[in-house]
Amino acid sequence: YYTVKDILGILIFILILISLVLFAPDLMGDPDNYTPANPLNTPPHIKPE
């Protein structure tokens, strides 16, 4: 009985995880990854030593 409940719980967890990965992959992403890079400017946090 407990094995069936454990397998059901794992399947539900895997189903939720797969649905997040396939249908909303950018849900937890960093918004800075979507800004286009400018090769003429260096980022302000990089300073010469």
PDB file of N, CA and C in Angstrom:
ATOM      1  N   TYR A   1       0.831  -1.203   0.000  1.00  0.00           N
ATOM      2  CA  TYR A   1       0.000   0.000   0.000  1.00  0.00           C
ATOM      3  C   TYR A   1       0.870   1.259   0.000  1.00  0.00           C
ATOM      4  N   TYR A   2       1.891   1.267   0.854  1.00  0.00           N
ATOM      5  CA  TYR A   2       2.744   2.457   0.914  1.00  0.00           C
ATOM      6  C   TYR A   2       3.587   2.609  -0.347  1.00  0.00           C
ATOM      7  N   THR A   3       3.927   1.508  -0.962  1.00  0.00           N
ATOM      8  CA  THR A   3       4.692   1.578  -2.208  1.00  0.00           C
ATOM      9  C   THR A   3       3.875   2.242  -3.302  1.00  0.00           C
ATOM     10  N   VAL A   4       2.592   1.927  -3.375  1.00  0.00           N
ATOM     11  CA  VAL A   4       1.717   2.537  -4.378  1.00  0.00           C
ATOM     12  C   VAL A   4       1.584   4.030  -4.111  1.00  0.00           C
ATOM     13  N   LYS A   5       1.444   4.421  -2.852  1.00  0.00           N
ATOM     14  CA  LYS A   5       1.340   5.843  -2.522  1.00  0.00           C
ATOM     15  C   LYS A   5       2.642   6.573  -2.839  1.00  0.00           C
ATOM     16  N   ASP A   6       3.774   5.936  -2.558  1.00  0.00           N
ATOM     17  CA  ASP A   6       5.057   6.572  -2.856  1.00  0.00           C
ATOM     18  C   ASP A   6       5.252   6.736  -4.356  1.00  0.00           C
ATOM     19  N   ILE A   7       4.922   5.715  -5.117  1.00  0.00           N
ATOM     20  CA  ILE A   7       5.067   5.797  -6.574  1.00  0.00           C
ATOM     21  C   ILE A   7       4.126   6.854  -7.140  1.00  0.00           C
ATOM     22  N   LEU A   8       2.912   6.943  -6.617  1.00  0.00           N
ATOM     23  CA  LEU A   8       1.966   7.963  -7.076  1.00  0.00           C
ATOM     24  C   LEU A   8       2.487   9.364  -6.759  1.00  0.00           C
ATOM     25  N   GLY A   9       3.028   9.554  -5.572  1.00  0.00           N
ATOM     26  CA  GLY A   9       3.587  10.859  -5.211  1.00  0.00           C
ATOM     27  C   GLY A   9       4.762  11.242  -6.083  1.00  0.00           C
ATOM     28  N   ILE A  10       5.629  10.282  -6.368  1.00  0.00           N
ATOM     29  CA  ILE A  10       6.781  10.558  -7.231  1.00  0.00           C
ATOM     30  C   ILE A  10       6.327  10.883  -8.647  1.00  0.00           C
ATOM     31  N   LEU A  11       5.324  10.168  -9.146  1.00  0.00           N
ATOM     32  CA  LEU A  11       4.822  10.440 -10.497  1.00  0.00           C
ATOM     33  C   LEU A  11       4.182  11.821 -10.588  1.00  0.00           C
ATOM     34  N   ILE A  12       3.447  12.215  -9.560  1.00  0.00           N
ATOM     35  CA  ILE A  12       2.840  13.551  -9.566  1.00  0.00           C
ATOM     36  C   ILE A  12       3.931  14.624  -9.525  1.00  0.00           C
ATOM     37  N   PHE A  13       4.945  14.401  -8.698  1.00  0.00           N
ATOM     38  CA  PHE A  13       6.056  15.355  -8.624  1.00  0.00           C
ATOM     39  C   PHE A  13       6.782  15.466  -9.961  1.00  0.00           C
ATOM     40  N   ILE A  14       7.051  14.337 -10.594  1.00  0.00           N
ATOM     41  CA  ILE A  14       7.732  14.337 -11.890  1.00  0.00           C
ATOM     42  C   ILE A  14       6.857  14.996 -12.955  1.00  0.00           C
ATOM     43  N   LEU A  15       5.557  14.775 -12.907  1.00  0.00           N
ATOM     44  CA  LEU A  15       4.648  15.404 -13.867  1.00  0.00           C
ATOM     45  C   LEU A  15       4.657  16.922 -13.724  1.00  0.00           C
ATOM     46  N   ILE A  16       4.639  17.414 -12.498  1.00  0.00           N
ATOM     47  CA  ILE A  16       4.691  18.862 -12.272  1.00  0.00           C
ATOM     48  C   ILE A  16       6.032  19.422 -12.750  1.00  0.00           C
ATOM     49  N   LEU A  17       7.106  18.718 -12.445  1.00  0.00           N
ATOM     50  CA  LEU A  17       8.430  19.186 -12.854  1.00  0.00           C
ATOM     51  C   LEU A  17       8.578  19.206 -14.370  1.00  0.00           C
ATOM     52  N   ILE A  18       8.110  18.169 -15.038  1.00  0.00           N
ATOM     53  CA  ILE A  18       8.196  18.111 -16.503  1.00  0.00           C
ATOM     54  C   ILE A  18       7.320  19.191 -17.132  1.00  0.00           C
ATOM     55  N   SER A  19       6.139  19.443 -16.563  1.00  0.00           N
ATOM     56  CA  SER A  19       5.282  20.483 -17.128  1.00  0.00           C
ATOM     57  C   SER A  19       5.919  21.858 -16.966  1.00  0.00           C
ATOM     58  N   LEU A  20       6.601  22.102 -15.850  1.00  0.00           N
ATOM     59  CA  LEU A  20       7.301  23.378 -15.698  1.00  0.00           C
ATOM     60  C   LEU A  20       8.446  23.508 -16.694  1.00  0.00           C
ATOM     61  N   VAL A  21       9.178  22.444 -16.891  1.00  0.00           N
ATOM     62  CA  VAL A  21      10.330  22.499 -17.798  1.00  0.00           C
ATOM     63  C   VAL A  21       9.876  22.678 -19.243  1.00  0.00           C
ATOM     64  N   LEU A  22       8.802  22.020 -19.633  1.00  0.00           N
ATOM     65  CA  LEU A  22       8.388  22.056 -21.034  1.00  0.00           C
ATOM     66  C   LEU A  22       7.535  23.277 -21.378  1.00  0.00           C
ATOM     67  N   PHE A  23       6.684  23.718 -20.467  1.00  0.00           N
ATOM     68  CA  PHE A  23       5.740  24.780 -20.807  1.00  0.00           C
ATOM     69  C   PHE A  23       6.139  26.150 -20.274  1.00  0.00           C
ATOM     70  N   ALA A  24       6.948  26.228 -19.255  1.00  0.00           N
ATOM     71  CA  ALA A  24       7.363  27.525 -18.708  1.00  0.00           C
ATOM     72  C   ALA A  24       8.840  27.485 -18.338  1.00  0.00           C
ATOM     73  N   PRO A  25       9.737  27.306 -19.299  1.00  0.00           N
ATOM     74  CA  PRO A  25      11.157  27.189 -18.943  1.00  0.00           C
ATOM     75  C   PRO A  25      11.771  28.496 -18.450  1.00  0.00           C
ATOM     76  N   ASP A  26      11.183  29.631 -18.781  1.00  0.00           N
ATOM     77  CA  ASP A  26      11.749  30.919 -18.386  1.00  0.00           C
ATOM     78  C   ASP A  26      11.099  31.482 -17.132  1.00  0.00           C
ATOM     79  N   LEU A  27      10.364  30.676 -16.423  1.00  0.00           N
ATOM     80  CA  LEU A  27       9.622  31.161 -15.261  1.00  0.00           C
ATOM     81  C   LEU A  27      10.559  31.634 -14.155  1.00  0.00           C
ATOM     82  N   MET A  28      11.615  30.905 -13.894  1.00  0.00           N
ATOM     83  CA  MET A  28      12.530  31.249 -12.812  1.00  0.00           C
ATOM     84  C   MET A  28      13.826  31.868 -13.329  1.00  0.00           C
ATOM     85  N   GLY A  29      13.829  32.310 -14.589  1.00  0.00           N
ATOM     86  CA  GLY A  29      15.052  32.837 -15.180  1.00  0.00           C
ATOM     87  C   GLY A  29      15.380  34.246 -14.723  1.00  0.00           C
ATOM     88  N   ASP A  30      16.622  34.630 -14.933  1.00  0.00           N
ATOM     89  CA  ASP A  30      17.080  35.967 -14.595  1.00  0.00           C
ATOM     90  C   ASP A  30      16.741  36.909 -15.750  1.00  0.00           C
ATOM     91  N   PRO A  31      16.096  38.034 -15.482  1.00  0.00           N
ATOM     92  CA  PRO A  31      15.721  38.941 -16.580  1.00  0.00           C
ATOM     93  C   PRO A  31      16.921  39.556 -17.298  1.00  0.00           C
ATOM     94  N   ASP A  32      18.080  39.592 -16.652  1.00  0.00           N
ATOM     95  CA  ASP A  32      19.266  40.146 -17.316  1.00  0.00           C
ATOM     96  C   ASP A  32      19.735  39.276 -18.471  1.00  0.00           C
ATOM     97  N   ASN A  33      19.304  38.047 -18.523  1.00  0.00           N
ATOM     98  CA  ASN A  33      19.715  37.174 -19.619  1.00  0.00           C
ATOM     99  C   ASN A  33      19.033  37.544 -20.933  1.00  0.00           C
ATOM    100  N   TYR A  34      18.021  38.392 -20.885  1.00  0.00           N
ATOM    101  CA  TYR A  34      17.281  38.745 -22.093  1.00  0.00           C
ATOM    102  C   TYR A  34      17.667  40.105 -22.649  1.00  0.00           C
ATOM    103  N   THR A  35      18.550  40.812 -21.983  1.00  0.00           N
ATOM    104  CA  THR A  35      19.010  42.085 -22.534  1.00  0.00           C
ATOM    105  C   THR A  35      20.128  41.799 -23.531  1.00  0.00           C
ATOM    106  N   PRO A  36      20.066  42.395 -24.710  1.00  0.00           N
ATOM    107  CA  PRO A  36      21.106  42.118 -25.708  1.00  0.00           C
ATOM    108  C   PRO A  36      22.454  42.701 -25.273  1.00  0.00           C
ATOM    109  N   ALA A  37      23.499  42.016 -25.623  1.00  0.00           N
ATOM    110  CA  ALA A  37      24.848  42.449 -25.250  1.00  0.00           C
ATOM    111  C   ALA A  37      25.313  43.568 -26.167  1.00  0.00           C
ATOM    112  N   ASN A  38      26.037  44.491 -25.591  1.00  0.00           N
ATOM    113  CA  ASN A  38      26.627  45.586 -26.351  1.00  0.00           C
ATOM    114  C   ASN A  38      28.143  45.378 -26.343  1.00  0.00           C
ATOM    115  N   PRO A  39      28.734  45.013 -27.483  1.00  0.00           N
ATOM    116  CA  PRO A  39      30.179  44.739 -27.488  1.00  0.00           C
ATOM    117  C   PRO A  39      31.042  45.991 -27.354  1.00  0.00           C
ATOM    118  N   LEU A  40      30.460  47.180 -27.466  1.00  0.00           N
ATOM    119  CA  LEU A  40      31.249  48.407 -27.369  1.00  0.00           C
ATOM    120  C   LEU A  40      31.402  48.895 -25.934  1.00  0.00           C
ATOM    121  N   ASN A  41      30.576  48.421 -25.021  1.00  0.00           N
ATOM    122  CA  ASN A  41      30.638  48.854 -23.627  1.00  0.00           C
ATOM    123  C   ASN A  41      30.977  47.669 -22.734  1.00  0.00           C
ATOM    124  N   THR A  42      31.853  47.941 -21.758  1.00  0.00           N
ATOM    125  CA  THR A  42      32.083  46.914 -20.744  1.00  0.00           C
ATOM    126  C   THR A  42      31.091  47.135 -19.606  1.00  0.00           C
ATOM    127  N   PRO A  43      30.726  46.103 -18.905  1.00  0.00           N
ATOM    128  CA  PRO A  43      29.800  46.282 -17.781  1.00  0.00           C
ATOM    129  C   PRO A  43      30.420  47.174 -16.702  1.00  0.00           C
ATOM    130  N   PRO A  44      29.595  47.933 -15.990  1.00  0.00           N
ATOM    131  CA  PRO A  44      30.152  48.888 -15.009  1.00  0.00           C
ATOM    132  C   PRO A  44      30.831  48.215 -13.817  1.00  0.00           C
ATOM    133  N   HIS A  45      30.531  46.970 -13.534  1.00  0.00           N
ATOM    134  CA  HIS A  45      31.151  46.329 -12.371  1.00  0.00           C
ATOM    135  C   HIS A  45      32.550  45.794 -12.674  1.00  0.00           C
ATOM    136  N   ILE A  46      32.981  45.849 -13.940  1.00  0.00           N
ATOM    137  CA  ILE A  46      34.335  45.413 -14.299  1.00  0.00           C
ATOM    138  C   ILE A  46      35.228  46.649 -14.337  1.00  0.00           C
ATOM    139  N   LYS A  47      36.227  46.677 -13.464  1.00  0.00           N
ATOM    140  CA  LYS A  47      37.123  47.826 -13.376  1.00  0.00           C
ATOM    141  C   LYS A  47      38.564  47.352 -13.567  1.00  0.00           C
ATOM    142  N   PRO A  48      39.417  48.189 -14.138  1.00  0.00           N
ATOM    143  CA  PRO A  48      40.825  47.793 -14.275  1.00  0.00           C
ATOM    144  C   PRO A  48      41.505  47.732 -12.909  1.00  0.00           C
ATOM    145  N   GLU A  49      42.485  46.871 -12.820  1.00  0.00           N
ATOM    146  CA  GLU A  49      43.172  46.699 -11.530  1.00  0.00           C
ATOM    147  C   GLU A  49      44.301  47.677 -11.346  1.00  0.00           C
TER     148      GLU A  49
END
